[in-house]
Amino acid sequence: MYLVENPVLQRELLVNLRTVRSFVLLFLFHVLLAGVVYAAWPQVERWDPEGNRAEAQKLFNLFFLGEFILASMMAPSFAAGTLTGEKERKTYEMLLASPLRPGAIVIGKLMASLAHLALLIFTSLPIVLLCLPLGGVSLYEVIAAYFLLMVAVATFGMISIACSSYFQRTASSLVVSYLIILPIALVGAMFWQSFQGQGAARLVVLLSLVPISSVVICLILYAVTSRRLLYPPDVGSEGGEVVDLDKEAEEAVGLVIQRDQLPDRLFAPPKRTKLLEDNANPVYEKEIHSEIFAQGTLMLRVVIQVSMVLAIPLMAICLYIWPHNAPYYISYVVLFNMLVGPVFSAGSITSERERQTLDLLLTTEISPWQILSGKLLAGLRVSTVLTAFLLWPLLLACVMVSHYWENFTSVLGYLLIIALTCFTTSMLALFSSVNFRKTAHSLMTTYLVIIVMFAGPLAFAYFADLAFGHTPPDAPAEVIATNDAIVTWADRLTIMSPFAATWNVPMHFQAGDQGQSIDGSWQKFGYYAAFTALLNLTLFCSMTWLFNRRWRVAE
């Protein structure tokens, strides 16, 4: 019932593994990995395994970390919608009423959601094994690394399913899953990289700690999720789409949002009790007062509490103890907005299509510009205010730490980067919502585009410098010119990334102060600001044109 004859597992496997998307994803993943191996393969006639062990180990670490980060980002996309998808399709109560035990449902959802990701990981093993002839890495290290990777994927999947049991929408479950998983993944990646030259000791520590910790976490989450399905508190409301926020506030544990008080009313204003003013945008008023938090504020409360807990140690280390690490804290704020920003805009138009109210909305006297601007400003307001909660340590540091007094222009540059990031993530989410019919597809596409834009150029620049940045002096002139051109273009593409922009903001400290100055480039920072502004303008104009053409209006 749990594995062999589990109907949930059989049904999910048939549906997920037979889709065209699964084959396309499998093909693209292996083409990308094979291209990386081909480009990074040493271009020499004779390879000395003993003399080049460091290069081989660096190549293996690059591949493993790449797969680990990719798996940590993909696991929630497969597992975070397992139970919320049933709720959105109105089949959740039918599933709970079946003869299946709650534990069998959880096991079936977990195994099915991770089967495709496990297939991606295992089928990449032959390509990675091609690196063994280079030396420096043993077969046992590869097997142990893949075992740890599968353990991490199982843990991330269980976390995502547990989050899915607490929320009504896939978007909320996905954001909370990412918010919990990404810090764990970053700590694991930093630990793996810090012990790069100690392969045996690293594996001993990881093999003794990671499996035990993962088993404990998975068993606890499995028990909690199974009990929640056995005694579900969220059934009997299939006909109701709106949560009573007053009742939810009374039953909330921990943070309570008071919508009639500051600063809560900045991102969750109370429902309107008076008529609209003249020339007010009704779409904006409806979105900000009723639509965004119609399913409750549980996701919002979890996001605020988790983000603030993570921000406290980063604030102390990066802003006060070592001020030259301020770009790391700004990168954390940007990463937070990458996760939270799309949630409030990715369903703006798709929710109208799912409720079949988009045709009705377009027959009103409200212009397409008002519809789009209202939807955009509502989502942008919530995501910007939530992101601004993480900026008070920076403003406090400007008062308490003298290093920031002489770098006030740099602080303004950081604030501009965060503002442009908030605007870009909301604009990309709204653009995806205009072009897709389902909120889940819109949200996942938005995340994919944001990762490619924000993190892709940095990864490409790092790989280009690793593979082509150290050309031997005796290489042919054509090879040297080609490699230099690749490295140059990879560096130019980083103008799309706000992470790169944070390090392009110069910060200078007085001689004798502890810390290191950041020799950035205001020119590259200006390129980033101009590119981002032009991108947002183009997206908004494109959406307005699509609305005027009635794009995807009739179902």
Protein backbone atom coordinates (compact mmCIF):
# COMPACT_ATOMS: atom_id res chain seq x y z
CA MET A 1 0.00 0.00 0.00
CA TYR A 2 2.89 2.36 0.71
CA LEU A 3 5.16 1.59 -2.28
CA VAL A 4 4.19 -1.48 -4.32
CA GLU A 5 0.45 -0.87 -4.69
CA ASN A 6 0.23 2.83 -3.93
CA PRO A 7 -2.33 4.35 -6.35
CA VAL A 8 -1.15 7.90 -5.60
CA LEU A 9 2.41 6.99 -6.56
CA GLN A 10 1.32 5.12 -9.70
CA ARG A 11 -0.96 7.92 -10.87
CA GLU A 12 1.58 10.69 -10.24
CA LEU A 13 4.35 8.77 -12.01
CA LEU A 14 2.20 8.18 -15.08
CA VAL A 15 1.16 11.83 -15.26
CA ASN A 16 4.56 13.41 -14.54
CA LEU A 17 6.94 11.17 -16.46
CA ARG A 18 4.87 11.03 -19.66
CA THR A 19 4.61 14.75 -20.25
CA VAL A 20 6.54 16.46 -23.02
CA ARG A 21 8.02 18.83 -20.44
CA SER A 22 9.80 15.98 -18.66
CA PHE A 23 11.57 14.81 -21.83
CA VAL A 24 12.49 18.35 -22.86
CA LEU A 25 13.88 19.08 -19.39
CA LEU A 26 15.89 15.85 -19.41
CA PHE A 27 17.34 16.66 -22.83
CA LEU A 28 18.25 20.26 -22.00
CA PHE A 29 19.82 19.27 -18.67
CA HIS A 30 22.15 16.75 -20.28
CA VAL A 31 23.01 18.99 -23.22
CA LEU A 32 23.99 21.73 -20.77
CA LEU A 33 26.04 19.37 -18.61
CA ALA A 34 27.75 17.81 -21.63
CA GLY A 35 28.57 21.28 -22.95
CA VAL A 36 30.12 22.24 -19.63
CA VAL A 37 32.26 19.09 -19.60
CA TYR A 38 33.34 19.63 -23.20
CA ALA A 39 34.24 23.29 -22.64
CA ALA A 40 36.08 22.63 -19.39
CA TRP A 41 38.00 19.60 -20.66
CA PRO A 42 41.75 20.33 -20.66
CA GLN A 43 42.94 21.36 -24.11
CA VAL A 44 46.32 19.64 -23.90
CA GLU A 45 47.87 16.71 -25.74
CA ARG A 46 49.26 15.06 -22.59
CA TRP A 47 47.60 15.25 -19.19
CA ASP A 48 49.60 14.62 -16.03
CA PRO A 49 47.21 13.21 -13.38
CA GLU A 50 49.73 13.70 -10.60
CA GLY A 51 50.68 17.25 -11.49
CA ASN A 52 47.15 18.48 -12.15
CA ARG A 53 45.19 16.96 -9.29
CA ALA A 54 44.06 20.40 -8.09
CA GLU A 55 42.52 21.27 -11.48
CA ALA A 56 40.67 17.94 -11.63
CA GLN A 57 39.31 18.37 -8.11
CA LYS A 58 38.22 21.91 -8.92
CA LEU A 59 36.35 20.62 -11.98
CA PHE A 60 34.61 17.92 -9.94
CA ASN A 61 33.64 20.41 -7.22
CA LEU A 62 32.21 22.69 -9.87
CA PHE A 63 30.00 19.93 -11.29
CA PHE A 64 28.83 18.68 -7.91
CA LEU A 65 28.05 22.13 -6.53
CA GLY A 66 26.21 22.97 -9.75
CA GLU A 67 24.06 19.86 -9.45
CA PHE A 68 23.49 20.44 -5.73
CA ILE A 69 22.32 24.03 -6.18
CA LEU A 70 20.20 23.01 -9.18
CA ALA A 71 18.60 20.17 -7.20
CA SER A 72 17.88 22.46 -4.24
CA MET A 73 16.08 24.89 -6.56
CA MET A 74 14.19 22.20 -8.48
CA ALA A 75 13.04 20.06 -5.54
CA PRO A 76 10.44 22.59 -4.30
CA SER A 77 9.14 23.10 -7.85
CA PHE A 78 8.29 19.38 -8.02
CA ALA A 79 7.10 18.82 -4.44
CA ALA A 80 5.67 22.12 -3.12
CA GLY A 81 2.50 21.78 -5.21
CA THR A 82 1.66 18.15 -4.45
CA LEU A 83 -1.05 18.83 -1.86
CA THR A 84 -1.87 22.43 -2.74
CA GLY A 85 -2.51 21.24 -6.30
CA GLU A 86 -5.18 18.89 -4.94
CA LYS A 87 -6.74 21.81 -3.06
CA GLU A 88 -6.70 24.04 -6.13
CA ARG A 89 -8.27 21.28 -8.27
CA LYS A 90 -10.93 20.66 -5.59
CA THR A 91 -9.84 17.02 -5.17
CA TYR A 92 -8.23 17.32 -1.75
CA GLU A 93 -11.25 16.15 0.23
CA MET A 94 -11.84 13.26 -2.17
CA LEU A 95 -8.24 12.13 -1.65
CA LEU A 96 -8.60 12.26 2.14
CA ALA A 97 -11.87 10.32 1.95
CA SER A 98 -10.24 7.45 0.05
CA PRO A 99 -9.19 4.20 1.84
CA LEU A 100 -5.54 5.28 1.61
CA ARG A 101 -3.76 5.94 4.86
CA PRO A 102 -2.31 9.45 5.32
CA GLY A 103 1.20 8.01 5.48
CA ALA A 104 0.69 6.27 2.14
CA ILE A 105 -0.48 9.54 0.58
CA VAL A 106 2.60 11.37 1.85
CA ILE A 107 4.97 8.62 0.69
CA GLY A 108 3.31 8.46 -2.72
CA LYS A 109 3.47 12.21 -3.22
CA LEU A 110 7.10 12.35 -2.07
CA MET A 111 8.34 9.48 -4.23
CA ALA A 112 6.44 10.66 -7.31
CA SER A 113 7.51 14.28 -7.02
CA LEU A 114 11.19 13.38 -6.65
CA ALA A 115 11.26 10.56 -9.21
CA HIS A 116 11.86 12.93 -12.13
CA LEU A 117 14.54 14.86 -10.26
CA ALA A 118 16.25 11.61 -9.24
CA LEU A 119 16.17 10.54 -12.88
CA LEU A 120 17.92 13.75 -13.88
CA ILE A 121 20.62 13.24 -11.26
CA PHE A 122 21.33 9.57 -11.95
CA THR A 123 21.38 9.94 -15.73
CA SER A 124 24.06 12.62 -15.36
CA LEU A 125 26.39 10.13 -13.65
CA PRO A 126 28.00 8.81 -16.91
CA ILE A 127 28.93 12.34 -17.95
CA VAL A 128 30.49 13.10 -14.58
CA LEU A 129 32.38 9.79 -14.66
CA LEU A 130 34.23 11.10 -17.71
CA CYS A 131 36.18 13.29 -15.30
CA LEU A 132 37.69 10.27 -13.50
CA PRO A 133 40.50 9.74 -16.05
CA LEU A 134 41.74 13.25 -15.21
CA GLY A 135 42.78 12.01 -11.76
CA GLY A 136 42.46 13.74 -8.42
CA VAL A 137 39.02 12.22 -7.74
CA SER A 138 38.28 8.59 -6.90
CA LEU A 139 35.22 6.56 -7.79
CA TYR A 140 34.30 6.34 -4.09
CA GLU A 141 34.17 10.14 -3.84
CA VAL A 142 31.80 10.31 -6.80
CA ILE A 143 29.50 7.63 -5.35
CA ALA A 144 29.53 9.27 -1.92
CA ALA A 145 28.80 12.68 -3.44
CA TYR A 146 25.81 11.32 -5.36
CA PHE A 147 24.55 9.55 -2.24
CA LEU A 148 24.69 12.82 -0.31
CA LEU A 149 22.96 14.56 -3.19
CA MET A 150 20.07 12.11 -3.11
CA VAL A 151 19.79 12.42 0.68
CA ALA A 152 19.62 16.21 0.35
CA VAL A 153 16.99 15.97 -2.40
CA ALA A 154 14.83 13.68 -0.26
CA THR A 155 15.09 16.11 2.66
CA PHE A 156 14.22 19.11 0.51
CA GLY A 157 11.27 17.22 -0.97
CA MET A 158 9.93 16.34 2.48
CA ILE A 159 10.23 19.97 3.58
CA SER A 160 8.31 21.08 0.49
CA ILE A 161 5.51 18.55 1.03
CA ALA A 162 5.20 19.60 4.67
CA CYS A 163 4.86 23.22 3.54
CA SER A 164 2.31 22.13 0.93
CA SER A 165 0.09 20.69 3.65
CA TYR A 166 -0.16 24.05 5.44
CA PHE A 167 -1.16 26.31 2.56
CA GLN A 168 -4.03 26.64 0.13
CA ARG A 169 -2.05 27.91 -2.84
CA THR A 170 1.02 26.52 -4.57
CA ALA A 171 2.60 29.98 -4.74
CA SER A 172 2.60 30.35 -0.95
CA SER A 173 3.92 26.83 -0.40
CA LEU A 174 6.66 27.37 -2.97
CA VAL A 175 7.91 30.60 -1.43
CA VAL A 176 8.06 29.23 2.11
CA SER A 177 9.81 26.08 0.84
CA TYR A 178 12.46 28.14 -0.93
CA LEU A 179 12.88 30.38 2.11
CA ILE A 180 13.63 27.34 4.29
CA ILE A 181 15.64 25.30 1.78
CA LEU A 182 17.95 27.91 0.24
CA PRO A 183 19.75 28.84 3.51
CA ILE A 184 20.34 25.13 4.17
CA ALA A 185 21.63 24.66 0.61
CA LEU A 186 23.94 27.68 0.85
CA VAL A 187 25.42 26.47 4.14
CA GLY A 188 26.02 23.04 2.61
CA ALA A 189 27.65 24.52 -0.48
CA MET A 190 29.92 26.74 1.64
CA PHE A 191 30.95 23.77 3.79
CA TRP A 192 31.73 21.66 0.71
CA GLN A 193 33.78 24.45 -0.84
CA SER A 194 35.66 25.32 2.34
CA PHE A 195 37.03 21.75 2.60
CA GLN A 196 37.91 21.57 -1.08
CA GLY A 197 41.44 20.23 -0.58
CA GLN A 198 40.46 17.64 2.03
CA GLY A 199 38.32 15.19 0.09
CA ALA A 200 38.54 12.22 2.50
CA ALA A 201 37.94 14.25 5.67
CA ARG A 202 35.08 16.13 4.01
CA LEU A 203 33.30 12.90 3.04
CA VAL A 204 33.77 11.37 6.50
CA VAL A 205 32.18 14.38 8.19
CA LEU A 206 29.34 14.62 5.69
CA LEU A 207 28.59 10.89 5.62
CA SER A 208 28.42 10.81 9.41
CA LEU A 209 26.28 13.91 9.93
CA VAL A 210 24.12 14.54 6.86
CA PRO A 211 22.30 11.17 6.62
CA ILE A 212 21.46 11.12 10.34
CA SER A 213 20.23 14.71 10.32
CA SER A 214 18.21 14.11 7.16
CA VAL A 215 16.56 10.99 8.55
CA VAL A 216 15.57 12.81 11.73
CA ILE A 217 14.15 15.78 9.80
CA CYS A 218 12.27 13.57 7.34
CA LEU A 219 10.74 11.38 10.07
CA ILE A 220 9.57 14.39 12.09
CA LEU A 221 8.06 16.11 9.04
CA TYR A 222 6.54 12.83 7.85
CA ALA A 223 4.82 12.31 11.20
CA VAL A 224 3.58 15.91 11.35
CA THR A 225 2.27 15.87 7.78
CA SER A 226 0.60 12.47 8.17
CA ARG A 227 -1.14 13.60 11.35
CA ARG A 228 -2.29 16.78 9.61
CA LEU A 229 -3.86 14.67 6.86
CA LEU A 230 -5.42 12.35 9.43
CA TYR A 231 -7.03 15.25 11.28
CA PRO A 232 -7.23 17.94 8.54
CA PRO A 233 -8.16 21.42 9.77
CA ASP A 234 -8.65 22.75 6.24
CA VAL A 235 -11.50 20.65 4.87
CA GLY A 236 -15.13 21.59 4.47
CA SER A 237 -14.26 24.92 2.80
CA GLU A 238 -14.19 23.89 -0.83
CA GLY A 239 -16.87 26.43 -1.63
CA GLY A 240 -15.23 29.30 0.24
CA GLU A 241 -12.29 31.10 -1.34
CA VAL A 242 -11.82 33.77 1.34
CA VAL A 243 -10.30 33.32 4.79
CA ASP A 244 -11.68 35.21 7.79
CA LEU A 245 -8.62 37.29 8.66
CA ASP A 246 -9.95 38.33 12.08
CA LYS A 247 -10.43 34.70 13.10
CA GLU A 248 -7.03 33.79 11.69
CA ALA A 249 -5.39 36.57 13.73
CA GLU A 250 -7.02 35.26 16.91
CA GLU A 251 -5.72 31.73 16.28
CA ALA A 252 -2.26 32.79 15.05
CA VAL A 253 0.79 31.65 16.98
CA GLY A 254 3.74 34.04 16.98
CA LEU A 255 3.54 37.09 14.77
CA VAL A 256 0.08 38.68 14.49
CA ILE A 257 -0.61 41.17 11.71
CA GLN A 258 -2.70 44.15 12.81
CA ARG A 259 -4.04 45.51 9.52
CA ASP A 260 -5.27 48.75 11.09
CA GLN A 261 -1.92 49.71 12.66
CA LEU A 262 1.47 50.77 11.39
CA PRO A 263 3.63 49.32 9.94
CA ASP A 264 1.33 46.40 9.11
CA ARG A 265 -1.12 48.52 7.19
CA LEU A 266 1.64 49.48 4.77
CA PHE A 267 1.66 45.98 3.24
CA ALA A 268 -1.72 44.63 4.47
CA PRO A 269 -4.17 47.53 4.61
CA PRO A 270 -7.63 46.88 6.08
CA LYS A 271 -10.67 46.41 3.92
CA ARG A 272 -12.24 49.62 2.66
CA THR A 273 -15.38 50.76 4.45
CA LYS A 274 -15.95 53.95 2.44
CA LEU A 275 -16.62 54.68 -1.20
CA LEU A 276 -13.72 55.19 -3.61
CA GLU A 277 -12.45 58.67 -4.19
CA ASP A 278 -12.84 60.26 -7.61
CA ASN A 279 -10.25 59.15 -10.19
CA ALA A 280 -9.12 56.26 -7.94
CA ASN A 281 -8.02 53.05 -9.63
CA PRO A 282 -10.62 50.39 -8.70
CA VAL A 283 -8.34 47.53 -9.76
CA TYR A 284 -5.60 48.65 -7.38
CA GLU A 285 -8.06 49.15 -4.52
CA LYS A 286 -9.59 45.71 -5.05
CA GLU A 287 -6.20 43.97 -5.24
CA ILE A 288 -4.56 45.61 -2.24
CA HIS A 289 -7.58 45.49 0.09
CA SER A 290 -9.15 42.12 -0.75
CA GLU A 291 -7.47 39.97 -3.38
CA ILE A 292 -3.83 39.50 -2.31
CA PHE A 293 -4.62 38.25 1.21
CA ALA A 294 -7.89 36.48 0.42
CA GLN A 295 -6.29 33.14 1.38
CA GLY A 296 -4.99 34.40 4.72
CA THR A 297 -1.70 35.76 6.01
CA LEU A 298 0.04 32.55 7.13
CA MET A 299 2.60 32.72 4.33
CA LEU A 300 3.22 36.38 5.05
CA ARG A 301 3.81 35.76 8.76
CA VAL A 302 6.18 32.85 8.10
CA VAL A 303 8.14 34.87 5.53
CA ILE A 304 8.57 37.83 7.88
CA GLN A 305 9.68 35.74 10.85
CA VAL A 306 12.11 33.50 8.93
CA SER A 307 13.66 36.38 7.00
CA MET A 308 14.23 38.47 10.12
CA VAL A 309 15.81 35.54 11.98
CA LEU A 310 18.25 35.01 9.10
CA ALA A 311 18.93 38.74 8.79
CA ILE A 312 20.13 39.20 12.38
CA PRO A 313 23.45 37.27 12.13
CA LEU A 314 24.08 38.56 8.59
CA MET A 315 23.49 42.11 9.80
CA ALA A 316 25.97 41.76 12.65
CA ILE A 317 28.68 40.18 10.51
CA CYS A 318 28.36 42.07 7.23
CA LEU A 319 27.32 45.56 8.38
CA TYR A 320 28.93 46.08 11.78
CA ILE A 321 31.86 43.71 12.40
CA TRP A 322 33.29 43.71 8.85
CA PRO A 323 31.73 46.62 6.92
CA HIS A 324 33.57 45.70 3.72
CA ASN A 325 31.21 42.70 3.50
CA ALA A 326 28.16 44.95 3.11
CA PRO A 327 27.50 43.65 -0.46
CA TYR A 328 26.78 40.23 1.04
CA TYR A 329 23.93 41.65 3.10
CA ILE A 330 22.58 43.57 0.12
CA SER A 331 22.73 40.32 -1.87
CA TYR A 332 20.67 38.65 0.86
CA VAL A 333 18.03 41.38 0.56
CA VAL A 334 18.01 40.92 -3.24
CA LEU A 335 17.65 37.15 -2.83
CA PHE A 336 14.74 37.68 -0.44
CA ASN A 337 12.95 39.85 -2.98
CA MET A 338 13.64 37.28 -5.72
CA LEU A 339 11.67 34.75 -3.66
CA VAL A 340 8.89 36.99 -2.37
CA GLY A 341 8.39 39.55 -5.14
CA PRO A 342 6.88 37.30 -7.84
CA VAL A 343 4.30 35.77 -5.49
CA PHE A 344 2.11 38.85 -5.32
CA SER A 345 2.12 39.54 -9.08
CA ALA A 346 2.43 36.16 -10.82
CA GLY A 347 -1.28 35.42 -10.31
CA SER A 348 -2.64 38.88 -11.06
CA ILE A 349 -4.00 38.05 -14.53
CA THR A 350 -3.98 34.26 -14.40
CA SER A 351 -6.34 34.32 -11.40
CA GLU A 352 -8.80 36.32 -13.52
CA ARG A 353 -8.54 33.66 -16.24
CA GLU A 354 -8.95 30.83 -13.73
CA ARG A 355 -12.10 32.48 -12.35
CA GLN A 356 -13.22 33.32 -15.93
CA THR A 357 -13.62 36.98 -15.05
CA LEU A 358 -11.03 38.47 -17.43
CA ASP A 359 -13.57 38.92 -20.25
CA LEU A 360 -15.87 40.70 -17.83
CA LEU A 361 -13.06 42.94 -16.59
CA LEU A 362 -12.13 44.01 -20.11
CA THR A 363 -15.72 44.96 -20.95
CA THR A 364 -15.71 47.63 -18.23
CA GLU A 365 -14.67 51.23 -18.74
CA ILE A 366 -11.32 50.57 -17.05
CA SER A 367 -8.51 50.95 -19.58
CA PRO A 368 -5.81 48.29 -20.06
CA TRP A 369 -3.27 50.75 -18.67
CA GLN A 370 -5.29 51.13 -15.46
CA ILE A 371 -5.73 47.36 -15.12
CA LEU A 372 -2.04 46.62 -15.54
CA SER A 373 -0.83 49.53 -13.41
CA GLY A 374 -3.27 48.64 -10.63
CA LYS A 375 -2.20 44.99 -10.62
CA LEU A 376 1.47 45.97 -10.74
CA LEU A 377 1.35 48.59 -8.00
CA ALA A 378 -0.58 46.34 -5.61
CA GLY A 379 1.94 43.51 -5.84
CA LEU A 380 4.88 45.92 -5.92
CA ARG A 381 3.67 47.68 -2.77
CA VAL A 382 3.53 44.47 -0.72
CA SER A 383 6.85 43.06 -1.93
CA THR A 384 8.65 46.42 -1.54
CA VAL A 385 7.44 46.98 2.02
CA LEU A 386 8.41 43.42 3.03
CA THR A 387 11.84 43.92 1.47
CA ALA A 388 12.21 47.30 3.17
CA PHE A 389 11.87 45.59 6.56
CA LEU A 390 15.34 44.16 5.92
CA LEU A 391 16.82 47.58 5.17
CA TRP A 392 16.54 49.08 8.65
CA PRO A 393 19.87 47.45 9.71
CA LEU A 394 21.57 49.26 6.80
CA LEU A 395 20.04 52.59 7.77
CA LEU A 396 20.98 51.98 11.41
CA ALA A 397 24.53 51.15 10.34
CA CYS A 398 24.74 54.46 8.50
CA VAL A 399 24.17 56.16 11.85
CA MET A 400 26.29 53.95 14.10
CA VAL A 401 29.24 52.93 11.87
CA SER A 402 31.47 55.78 10.72
CA HIS A 403 32.63 53.86 7.64
CA TYR A 404 29.28 54.49 5.97
CA TRP A 405 29.41 58.25 6.56
CA GLU A 406 32.19 58.60 4.04
CA ASN A 407 30.46 56.17 1.64
CA PHE A 408 27.00 57.69 1.66
CA THR A 409 26.86 57.65 -2.15
CA SER A 410 27.51 53.91 -2.07
CA VAL A 411 24.61 53.43 0.35
CA LEU A 412 22.34 55.29 -2.07
CA GLY A 413 23.59 52.96 -4.80
CA TYR A 414 22.61 49.93 -2.67
CA LEU A 415 19.14 51.37 -2.13
CA LEU A 416 18.74 51.96 -5.87
CA ILE A 417 19.74 48.35 -6.62
CA ILE A 418 17.10 47.04 -4.21
CA ALA A 419 14.43 49.36 -5.63
CA LEU A 420 15.19 48.28 -9.20
CA THR A 421 15.15 44.63 -8.12
CA CYS A 422 11.72 45.03 -6.51
CA PHE A 423 10.38 46.65 -9.66
CA THR A 424 11.94 44.05 -11.98
CA THR A 425 10.70 40.97 -10.11
CA SER A 426 7.14 42.33 -9.97
CA MET A 427 7.22 43.36 -13.63
CA LEU A 428 8.52 39.97 -14.78
CA ALA A 429 5.86 38.20 -12.70
CA LEU A 430 3.09 40.35 -14.16
CA PHE A 431 4.41 39.77 -17.68
CA SER A 432 4.35 36.01 -17.13
CA SER A 433 0.84 36.28 -15.69
CA VAL A 434 -0.29 38.01 -18.88
CA ASN A 435 1.14 35.26 -21.09
CA PHE A 436 0.07 32.14 -19.16
CA ARG A 437 -3.27 30.66 -18.21
CA LYS A 438 -2.35 29.06 -14.87
CA THR A 439 -0.81 30.75 -11.86
CA ALA A 440 1.53 27.83 -11.14
CA HIS A 441 3.01 27.99 -14.65
CA SER A 442 3.33 31.76 -14.44
CA LEU A 443 5.13 31.61 -11.09
CA MET A 444 7.57 28.88 -12.11
CA THR A 445 8.39 30.66 -15.37
CA THR A 446 9.02 33.87 -13.46
CA TYR A 447 11.40 32.14 -11.07
CA LEU A 448 13.22 30.52 -13.98
CA VAL A 449 13.65 33.83 -15.83
CA ILE A 450 14.79 35.62 -12.67
CA ILE A 451 17.38 32.94 -11.88
CA VAL A 452 18.68 33.03 -15.46
CA MET A 453 18.89 36.83 -15.44
CA PHE A 454 20.24 37.40 -11.93
CA ALA A 455 22.40 34.32 -11.27
CA GLY A 456 23.07 32.96 -14.77
CA PRO A 457 25.54 35.69 -15.84
CA LEU A 458 27.56 35.23 -12.64
CA ALA A 459 27.73 31.47 -13.13
CA PHE A 460 28.73 31.91 -16.77
CA ALA A 461 31.41 34.47 -15.87
CA TYR A 462 32.80 32.17 -13.17
CA PHE A 463 32.89 29.20 -15.52
CA ALA A 464 34.38 31.27 -18.36
CA ASP A 465 37.18 32.46 -16.09
CA LEU A 466 37.76 28.91 -14.85
CA ALA A 467 37.80 27.30 -18.30
CA PHE A 468 39.13 30.08 -20.56
CA GLY A 469 40.73 32.64 -18.26
CA HIS A 470 44.05 30.83 -17.78
CA THR A 471 45.24 30.16 -21.31
CA PRO A 472 48.88 28.93 -21.52
CA PRO A 473 51.25 31.57 -22.98
CA ASP A 474 52.46 29.15 -25.62
CA ALA A 475 48.96 28.55 -27.02
CA PRO A 476 48.18 29.67 -30.60
CA ALA A 477 47.21 33.30 -31.03
CA GLU A 478 43.76 32.35 -32.31
CA VAL A 479 43.04 30.33 -29.18
CA ILE A 480 44.20 33.17 -26.90
CA ALA A 481 42.03 35.70 -28.76
CA THR A 482 38.97 33.44 -28.66
CA ASN A 483 39.35 32.72 -24.94
CA ASP A 484 39.84 36.39 -24.13
CA ALA A 485 36.72 37.28 -26.12
CA ILE A 486 34.64 34.69 -24.22
CA VAL A 487 35.84 36.00 -20.87
CA THR A 488 35.15 39.60 -21.93
CA TRP A 489 31.60 38.87 -23.11
CA ALA A 490 30.89 36.86 -19.97
CA ASP A 491 31.94 39.86 -17.89
CA ARG A 492 29.71 42.18 -19.94
CA LEU A 493 26.65 39.99 -19.39
CA THR A 494 26.90 40.59 -15.65
CA ILE A 495 25.25 44.00 -16.12
CA MET A 496 21.93 42.11 -15.94
CA SER A 497 22.58 40.88 -12.40
CA PRO A 498 21.87 42.94 -9.26
CA PHE A 499 24.31 40.68 -7.40
CA ALA A 500 27.11 41.87 -9.69
CA ALA A 501 25.88 45.46 -9.33
CA THR A 502 26.32 45.32 -5.54
CA TRP A 503 30.03 44.58 -6.03
CA ASN A 504 30.30 47.31 -8.68
CA VAL A 505 29.43 49.94 -6.05
CA PRO A 506 32.79 51.27 -4.75
CA MET A 507 33.42 51.56 -1.01
CA HIS A 508 36.62 53.11 0.31
CA PHE A 509 37.91 52.97 3.88
CA GLN A 510 40.55 55.16 5.46
CA ALA A 511 44.09 53.87 5.68
CA GLY A 512 44.69 51.91 8.86
CA ASP A 513 41.06 50.81 9.28
CA GLN A 514 40.39 47.12 9.41
CA GLY A 515 38.75 45.82 6.27
CA GLN A 516 39.31 46.02 2.56
CA SER A 517 38.10 48.65 0.14
CA ILE A 518 35.82 47.58 -2.69
CA ASP A 519 37.17 48.79 -6.02
CA GLY A 520 33.94 48.74 -7.98
CA SER A 521 32.94 50.54 -11.14
CA TRP A 522 30.27 53.22 -11.26
CA GLN A 523 30.22 52.80 -15.03
CA LYS A 524 29.11 49.16 -14.79
CA PHE A 525 26.61 50.16 -12.12
CA GLY A 526 25.19 52.73 -14.54
CA TYR A 527 24.93 50.08 -17.27
CA TYR A 528 22.97 47.86 -14.88
CA ALA A 529 20.56 50.68 -13.94
CA ALA A 530 20.02 51.65 -17.59
CA PHE A 531 19.47 48.04 -18.70
CA THR A 532 17.00 47.35 -15.89
CA ALA A 533 15.02 50.54 -16.52
CA LEU A 534 14.83 49.81 -20.27
CA LEU A 535 13.77 46.21 -19.60
CA ASN A 536 10.92 47.25 -17.32
CA LEU A 537 9.70 49.88 -19.76
CA THR A 538 9.75 47.36 -22.61
CA LEU A 539 7.85 44.76 -20.58
CA PHE A 540 5.14 47.21 -19.55
CA CYS A 541 4.68 48.49 -23.09
CA SER A 542 4.50 44.89 -24.36
CA MET A 543 1.82 43.99 -21.80
CA THR A 544 -0.24 47.04 -22.71
CA TRP A 545 -0.05 46.09 -26.40
CA LEU A 546 -1.06 42.50 -25.63
CA PHE A 547 -4.06 43.69 -23.63
CA ASN A 548 -5.14 45.97 -26.44
CA ARG A 549 -4.94 42.97 -28.77
CA ARG A 550 -7.03 40.93 -26.27
CA TRP A 551 -4.22 38.37 -25.87
CA ARG A 552 -5.45 35.10 -24.32
CA VAL A 553 -8.75 36.64 -23.32
CA ALA A 554 -11.24 34.16 -24.75
CA GLU A 555 -10.86 30.68 -23.28
